[in-house]
Amino acid sequence: MYERILVPTDGSEYAEDAAETAFDLAETVGATMYVVCIVEQGPLGSVRLPGDSGSAEDVFRDRADEYVTRIAERGRDRGLEITTEVRQGVPVREILEYTDEIEADVIVMGTRGRGGLSRMMLGSVTDGVTRYGGTDVLVVGDDTHILPDDS
């Protein structure tokens, strides 16, 4: 069934929920998990921050390392085999390329991430992965209802 499960994370609660679902799935089928975080390239990347903080890119990469490490530690506490990866680039493209590289059988991700109001319906990264990828995608929902109540 599933031998390699990919979990993209952006550190959001939605990604954390997706990781929990992926842990359960990995335990059930005996799969290896891969956790990836993509640092988006952008105009702020090379900007030097005040003090000795380094560049914005360094800060973003440090946060990405924290996100994948946090999920990996929780999974390893459950006895799972987990590999982590931090990449830089366009999130959808990088997730799909990494999916191909590791030959993932399924991608488990949240309905949305840190994108804010413009991504309320379905996260644009999740949407892109489901539209353009050739791998099964398990989209883990949340309990936020954005459609009006019919009553």
Protein backbone atom coordinates (compact mmCIF):
# COMPACT_ATOMS: atom_id res chain seq x y z
CA MET A 1 0.00 0.00 0.00
CA TYR A 2 1.95 3.02 1.26
CA GLU A 3 5.66 2.67 1.97
CA ARG A 4 6.72 6.34 1.81
CA ILE A 5 4.57 9.14 3.19
CA LEU A 6 5.45 12.79 2.53
CA VAL A 7 4.32 15.51 4.93
CA PRO A 8 4.97 19.09 3.81
CA THR A 9 4.95 21.58 6.68
CA ASP A 10 4.93 25.33 7.07
CA GLY A 11 4.74 25.19 10.85
CA SER A 12 1.02 25.95 10.89
CA GLU A 13 -1.53 24.16 13.05
CA TYR A 14 -2.96 22.64 9.85
CA ALA A 15 0.37 21.07 9.00
CA GLU A 16 0.66 19.80 12.58
CA ASP A 17 -2.79 18.18 12.30
CA ALA A 18 -1.78 16.60 8.99
CA ALA A 19 1.37 15.22 10.64
CA GLU A 20 -0.75 13.53 13.32
CA THR A 21 -2.83 11.86 10.63
CA ALA A 22 0.35 10.82 8.83
CA PHE A 23 1.76 9.32 12.05
CA ASP A 24 -1.36 7.19 12.44
CA LEU A 25 -1.19 6.08 8.81
CA ALA A 26 2.54 5.31 9.01
CA GLU A 27 2.01 3.23 12.15
CA THR A 28 -0.83 1.31 10.53
CA VAL A 29 0.99 0.45 7.30
CA GLY A 30 4.60 0.47 8.54
CA ALA A 31 5.65 3.31 6.26
CA THR A 32 8.61 5.66 6.42
CA MET A 33 7.74 9.34 6.73
CA TYR A 34 9.45 12.23 5.01
CA VAL A 35 8.88 15.75 6.34
CA VAL A 36 9.72 18.70 4.12
CA CYS A 37 9.53 22.47 4.56
CA ILE A 38 10.01 24.84 1.67
CA VAL A 39 11.54 28.27 2.25
CA GLU A 40 9.97 30.47 -0.38
CA GLN A 41 12.33 32.55 -2.45
CA GLY A 42 11.48 36.19 -2.40
CA PRO A 43 12.80 39.73 -2.32
CA LEU A 44 13.46 39.65 1.44
CA GLY A 45 15.81 36.69 1.30
CA SER A 46 19.06 38.63 1.09
CA VAL A 47 17.99 41.55 3.31
CA ARG A 48 20.26 41.85 6.37
CA LEU A 49 18.34 42.02 9.63
CA PRO A 50 19.28 44.42 12.45
CA GLY A 51 21.91 43.26 14.88
CA ASP A 52 23.71 39.99 14.32
CA SER A 53 20.63 38.06 13.17
CA GLY A 54 21.91 37.38 9.66
CA SER A 55 19.69 37.60 6.60
CA ALA A 56 15.96 37.08 6.40
CA GLU A 57 16.75 33.90 4.45
CA ASP A 58 18.77 32.60 7.42
CA VAL A 59 15.87 33.30 9.78
CA PHE A 60 13.38 31.59 7.46
CA ARG A 61 15.66 28.56 7.09
CA ASP A 62 16.12 28.32 10.87
CA ARG A 63 12.34 28.35 11.32
CA ALA A 64 11.94 25.70 8.63
CA ASP A 65 14.51 23.52 10.42
CA GLU A 66 12.51 23.95 13.64
CA TYR A 67 9.26 22.95 11.92
CA VAL A 68 10.60 19.72 10.42
CA THR A 69 12.53 18.84 13.57
CA ARG A 70 9.46 19.29 15.78
CA ILE A 71 7.40 16.91 13.64
CA ALA A 72 10.26 14.42 13.27
CA GLU A 73 10.80 14.25 17.04
CA ARG A 74 7.11 13.56 17.67
CA GLY A 75 7.11 10.82 15.04
CA ARG A 76 10.30 9.23 16.33
CA ASP A 77 8.78 9.23 19.83
CA ARG A 78 6.11 6.99 18.31
CA GLY A 79 8.77 4.67 16.88
CA LEU A 80 8.53 5.87 13.28
CA GLU A 81 11.36 6.20 10.80
CA ILE A 82 11.46 9.83 9.67
CA THR A 83 13.63 11.77 7.25
CA THR A 84 13.61 15.58 7.14
CA GLU A 85 14.41 18.00 4.37
CA VAL A 86 14.44 21.80 4.03
CA ARG A 87 14.46 23.25 0.54
CA GLN A 88 14.28 26.66 -1.02
CA GLY A 89 12.10 27.60 -3.95
CA VAL A 90 8.51 27.62 -5.12
CA PRO A 91 6.58 25.43 -2.66
CA VAL A 92 4.37 23.49 -5.09
CA ARG A 93 7.25 22.81 -7.47
CA GLU A 94 9.64 21.78 -4.69
CA ILE A 95 7.09 19.52 -3.00
CA LEU A 96 6.31 17.75 -6.27
CA GLU A 97 10.01 17.38 -7.16
CA TYR A 98 10.76 15.95 -3.71
CA THR A 99 7.77 13.62 -4.06
CA ASP A 100 9.31 12.22 -7.25
CA GLU A 101 12.82 12.01 -5.75
CA ILE A 102 11.73 9.93 -2.76
CA GLU A 103 9.06 8.08 -4.74
CA ALA A 104 6.41 8.99 -2.19
CA ASP A 105 3.23 6.95 -2.34
CA VAL A 106 1.06 9.57 -0.65
CA ILE A 107 1.31 13.20 0.43
CA VAL A 108 -0.49 14.12 3.65
CA MET A 109 -1.11 17.85 4.06
CA GLY A 110 -3.50 20.32 5.63
CA THR A 111 -6.29 22.13 3.86
CA ARG A 112 -4.43 25.36 4.33
CA GLY A 113 -1.34 26.82 5.91
CA ARG A 114 -0.02 30.17 6.96
CA GLY A 115 -1.35 31.91 3.84
CA GLY A 116 -4.11 33.96 5.43
CA LEU A 117 -7.42 35.16 4.06
CA SER A 118 -6.61 34.73 0.37
CA ARG A 119 -6.11 31.02 0.95
CA MET A 120 -9.20 30.36 3.11
CA MET A 121 -10.99 27.90 0.83
CA LEU A 122 -8.11 25.56 0.10
CA GLY A 123 -4.51 26.55 0.54
CA SER A 124 -2.91 27.51 -2.74
CA VAL A 125 -0.02 25.12 -2.09
CA THR A 126 -2.41 22.27 -1.27
CA ASP A 127 -4.45 23.15 -4.33
CA GLY A 128 -1.36 23.15 -6.56
CA VAL A 129 -0.11 19.83 -5.20
CA THR A 130 -3.49 18.18 -5.75
CA ARG A 131 -3.90 19.66 -9.23
CA TYR A 132 -0.45 19.10 -10.66
CA GLY A 133 0.91 16.10 -8.80
CA GLY A 134 0.54 12.51 -9.88
CA THR A 135 0.63 11.09 -6.36
CA ASP A 136 -2.24 10.39 -3.97
CA VAL A 137 -2.88 13.34 -1.67
CA LEU A 138 -4.66 12.99 1.67
CA VAL A 139 -5.93 16.46 2.59
CA VAL A 140 -6.56 16.79 6.31
CA GLY A 141 -9.37 19.22 7.09
CA ASP A 142 -9.99 21.42 10.07
CA ASP A 143 -13.17 22.24 11.93
CA THR A 144 -13.41 25.80 10.63
CA HIS A 145 -16.59 26.28 8.64
CA ILE A 146 -16.43 29.08 6.14
CA LEU A 147 -19.77 28.54 4.41
CA PRO A 148 -22.75 30.35 5.89
CA ASP A 149 -25.23 28.38 7.98
CA ASP A 150 -28.38 27.60 5.96
CA SER A 151 -30.72 27.99 8.95
